[in-house]
Amino acid sequence: MLNYHDKKFRPVQNTENGETSPETIFLYQQEGRILTSNYSGGKIKSGHLIGLVDEEGNIDMRYHQVNEAGELMTGICRSRPEILPSGKIRLHETWRWTSGDGSAGASVIEEI
């Protein structure tokens, strides 16, 4: 199982209906299979996620965040890891808002 503990990630790609951007920084913490992260930056004032990591390093997570408009947004996300030649982790994500318009999207974040 991959260990994401103390790793920082930054989005490198997102669909238009997403709120994360290259200014958003995620700090992952992991204990056993439980993954958490605090994040902020760009359109996001404050966010938090919690998820479970499987044996292949895939993450099933739920997130909530307050955006710069002062709205509380929530969603679900599945992340699939790719190990880059540098040894850093790239996560391919598919997500869906459970608040707002309920739309779905895809993003890519990379370890920094």
C-alpha atoms as a PDB file:
ATOM      1  CA  MET A   1       0.000   0.000   0.000  1.00  0.00           C
ATOM      2  CA  LEU A   2       1.249   3.494  -0.810  1.00  0.00           C
ATOM      3  CA  ASN A   3       1.820   5.773   2.143  1.00  0.00           C
ATOM      4  CA  TYR A   4       0.756   9.384   1.609  1.00  0.00           C
ATOM      5  CA  HIS A   5       1.806  10.596   5.074  1.00  0.00           C
ATOM      6  CA  ASP A   6       3.288  14.140   5.115  1.00  0.00           C
ATOM      7  CA  LYS A   7       3.146  14.443   1.308  1.00  0.00           C
ATOM      8  CA  LYS A   8       2.085  17.731  -0.300  1.00  0.00           C
ATOM      9  CA  PHE A   9       0.107  17.865  -3.553  1.00  0.00           C
ATOM     10  CA  ARG A  10      -0.810  20.610  -6.019  1.00  0.00           C
ATOM     11  CA  PRO A  11      -3.430  20.417  -8.810  1.00  0.00           C
ATOM     12  CA  VAL A  12      -2.031  20.463 -12.352  1.00  0.00           C
ATOM     13  CA  GLN A  13      -5.344  19.938 -14.161  1.00  0.00           C
ATOM     14  CA  ASN A  14      -9.048  20.333 -13.342  1.00  0.00           C
ATOM     15  CA  THR A  15     -12.344  20.613 -15.175  1.00  0.00           C
ATOM     16  CA  GLU A  16     -14.109  24.007 -15.342  1.00  0.00           C
ATOM     17  CA  ASN A  17     -16.660  23.153 -12.632  1.00  0.00           C
ATOM     18  CA  GLY A  18     -13.933  22.428 -10.062  1.00  0.00           C
ATOM     19  CA  GLU A  19     -12.596  24.862  -7.469  1.00  0.00           C
ATOM     20  CA  THR A  20      -9.019  23.656  -7.013  1.00  0.00           C
ATOM     21  CA  SER A  21      -6.192  25.304  -8.950  1.00  0.00           C
ATOM     22  CA  PRO A  22      -2.362  25.287  -8.933  1.00  0.00           C
ATOM     23  CA  GLU A  23      -2.595  27.671  -5.945  1.00  0.00           C
ATOM     24  CA  THR A  24      -4.357  25.004  -3.851  1.00  0.00           C
ATOM     25  CA  ILE A  25      -2.002  23.002  -1.618  1.00  0.00           C
ATOM     26  CA  PHE A  26      -3.020  19.701   0.011  1.00  0.00           C
ATOM     27  CA  LEU A  27      -1.074  18.259   2.962  1.00  0.00           C
ATOM     28  CA  TYR A  28      -1.885  14.561   3.294  1.00  0.00           C
ATOM     29  CA  GLN A  29      -1.686  12.661   6.572  1.00  0.00           C
ATOM     30  CA  GLN A  30      -2.151   8.889   6.795  1.00  0.00           C
ATOM     31  CA  GLU A  31      -2.569   6.452   9.662  1.00  0.00           C
ATOM     32  CA  GLY A  32      -3.113   2.885   8.481  1.00  0.00           C
ATOM     33  CA  ARG A  33      -5.752   3.033   5.748  1.00  0.00           C
ATOM     34  CA  ILE A  34      -7.181   6.374   6.959  1.00  0.00           C
ATOM     35  CA  LEU A  35      -6.134   9.434   4.956  1.00  0.00           C
ATOM     36  CA  THR A  36      -6.889  13.044   5.890  1.00  0.00           C
ATOM     37  CA  SER A  37      -5.867  16.384   4.429  1.00  0.00           C
ATOM     38  CA  ASN A  38      -6.250  20.054   5.137  1.00  0.00           C
ATOM     39  CA  TYR A  39      -6.043  22.249   2.057  1.00  0.00           C
ATOM     40  CA  SER A  40      -6.441  25.854   0.942  1.00  0.00           C
ATOM     41  CA  GLY A  41      -5.405  28.284  -1.754  1.00  0.00           C
ATOM     42  CA  GLY A  42      -6.848  29.840  -4.872  1.00  0.00           C
ATOM     43  CA  LYS A  43     -10.658  29.817  -4.708  1.00  0.00           C
ATOM     44  CA  ILE A  44     -10.618  27.685  -1.538  1.00  0.00           C
ATOM     45  CA  LYS A  45     -10.385  29.425   1.833  1.00  0.00           C
ATOM     46  CA  SER A  46     -10.357  26.197   3.865  1.00  0.00           C
ATOM     47  CA  GLY A  47     -10.953  22.549   3.058  1.00  0.00           C
ATOM     48  CA  HIS A  48     -10.679  19.115   4.593  1.00  0.00           C
ATOM     49  CA  LEU A  49     -10.940  15.601   3.234  1.00  0.00           C
ATOM     50  CA  ILE A  50     -11.078  12.130   4.723  1.00  0.00           C
ATOM     51  CA  GLY A  51     -10.650   8.890   2.846  1.00  0.00           C
ATOM     52  CA  LEU A  52      -9.623   5.262   2.819  1.00  0.00           C
ATOM     53  CA  VAL A  53      -6.584   3.930   0.949  1.00  0.00           C
ATOM     54  CA  ASP A  54      -6.761   0.441  -0.594  1.00  0.00           C
ATOM     55  CA  GLU A  55      -3.911  -2.012  -1.233  1.00  0.00           C
ATOM     56  CA  GLU A  56      -3.157  -0.472  -4.676  1.00  0.00           C
ATOM     57  CA  GLY A  57      -3.016   3.050  -3.246  1.00  0.00           C
ATOM     58  CA  ASN A  58      -6.416   4.108  -4.614  1.00  0.00           C
ATOM     59  CA  ILE A  59      -8.250   6.595  -2.404  1.00  0.00           C
ATOM     60  CA  ASP A  60     -12.012   6.761  -1.791  1.00  0.00           C
ATOM     61  CA  MET A  61     -12.647  10.129  -0.148  1.00  0.00           C
ATOM     62  CA  ARG A  62     -15.199  12.707   0.903  1.00  0.00           C
ATOM     63  CA  TYR A  63     -14.408  16.404   1.034  1.00  0.00           C
ATOM     64  CA  HIS A  64     -15.861  19.671   2.273  1.00  0.00           C
ATOM     65  CA  GLN A  65     -14.575  23.177   1.728  1.00  0.00           C
ATOM     66  CA  VAL A  66     -15.477  26.844   2.046  1.00  0.00           C
ATOM     67  CA  ASN A  67     -14.808  28.810  -1.138  1.00  0.00           C
ATOM     68  CA  GLU A  68     -13.946  32.497  -1.561  1.00  0.00           C
ATOM     69  CA  ALA A  69     -17.671  33.276  -2.007  1.00  0.00           C
ATOM     70  CA  GLY A  70     -18.282  31.924   1.507  1.00  0.00           C
ATOM     71  CA  GLU A  71     -20.158  28.835   0.260  1.00  0.00           C
ATOM     72  CA  LEU A  72     -19.828  25.435   1.928  1.00  0.00           C
ATOM     73  CA  MET A  73     -19.220  22.847  -0.807  1.00  0.00           C
ATOM     74  CA  THR A  74     -19.112  19.042  -0.413  1.00  0.00           C
ATOM     75  CA  GLY A  75     -18.242  16.141  -2.675  1.00  0.00           C
ATOM     76  CA  ILE A  76     -16.904  12.645  -3.260  1.00  0.00           C
ATOM     77  CA  CYS A  77     -13.725  11.668  -5.078  1.00  0.00           C
ATOM     78  CA  ARG A  78     -11.857   8.563  -6.235  1.00  0.00           C
ATOM     79  CA  SER A  79      -8.106   8.919  -6.809  1.00  0.00           C
ATOM     80  CA  ARG A  80      -5.871   6.505  -8.718  1.00  0.00           C
ATOM     81  CA  PRO A  81      -2.089   6.812  -8.202  1.00  0.00           C
ATOM     82  CA  GLU A  82       0.625   6.864 -10.843  1.00  0.00           C
ATOM     83  CA  ILE A  83       4.288   6.796  -9.840  1.00  0.00           C
ATOM     84  CA  LEU A  84       6.284   9.253 -11.948  1.00  0.00           C
ATOM     85  CA  PRO A  85       9.876   8.563 -13.111  1.00  0.00           C
ATOM     86  CA  SER A  86      11.035  10.972 -10.378  1.00  0.00           C
ATOM     87  CA  GLY A  87       9.388   8.728  -7.761  1.00  0.00           C
ATOM     88  CA  LYS A  88       6.760  11.391  -7.008  1.00  0.00           C
ATOM     89  CA  ILE A  89       3.060  10.499  -6.999  1.00  0.00           C
ATOM     90  CA  ARG A  90       0.502  11.765  -9.515  1.00  0.00           C
ATOM     91  CA  LEU A  91      -3.170  11.211  -8.606  1.00  0.00           C
ATOM     92  CA  HIS A  92      -5.827  10.888 -11.317  1.00  0.00           C
ATOM     93  CA  GLU A  93      -9.127  11.922  -9.764  1.00  0.00           C
ATOM     94  CA  THR A  94     -12.783  11.602 -10.670  1.00  0.00           C
ATOM     95  CA  TRP A  95     -15.125  13.570  -8.462  1.00  0.00           C
ATOM     96  CA  ARG A  96     -18.698  14.745  -8.038  1.00  0.00           C
ATOM     97  CA  TRP A  97     -20.233  17.582  -6.061  1.00  0.00           C
ATOM     98  CA  THR A  98     -22.777  16.464  -3.457  1.00  0.00           C
ATOM     99  CA  SER A  99     -23.758  20.114  -3.007  1.00  0.00           C
ATOM    100  CA  GLY A 100     -24.459  22.857  -5.525  1.00  0.00           C
ATOM    101  CA  ASP A 101     -25.310  21.550  -8.993  1.00  0.00           C
ATOM    102  CA  GLY A 102     -24.181  17.956  -8.344  1.00  0.00           C
ATOM    103  CA  SER A 103     -21.976  17.969 -11.446  1.00  0.00           C
ATOM    104  CA  ALA A 104     -18.964  15.703 -11.932  1.00  0.00           C
ATOM    105  CA  GLY A 105     -15.425  16.353 -13.075  1.00  0.00           C
ATOM    106  CA  ALA A 106     -11.851  15.106 -13.265  1.00  0.00           C
ATOM    107  CA  SER A 107      -8.588  16.470 -11.961  1.00  0.00           C
ATOM    108  CA  VAL A 108      -4.923  15.574 -11.669  1.00  0.00           C
ATOM    109  CA  ILE A 109      -2.775  16.483  -8.674  1.00  0.00           C
ATOM    110  CA  GLU A 110       0.955  15.911  -8.272  1.00  0.00           C
ATOM    111  CA  GLU A 111       3.257  15.569  -5.292  1.00  0.00           C
ATOM    112  CA  ILE A 112       5.461  18.617  -4.749  1.00  0.00           C
END
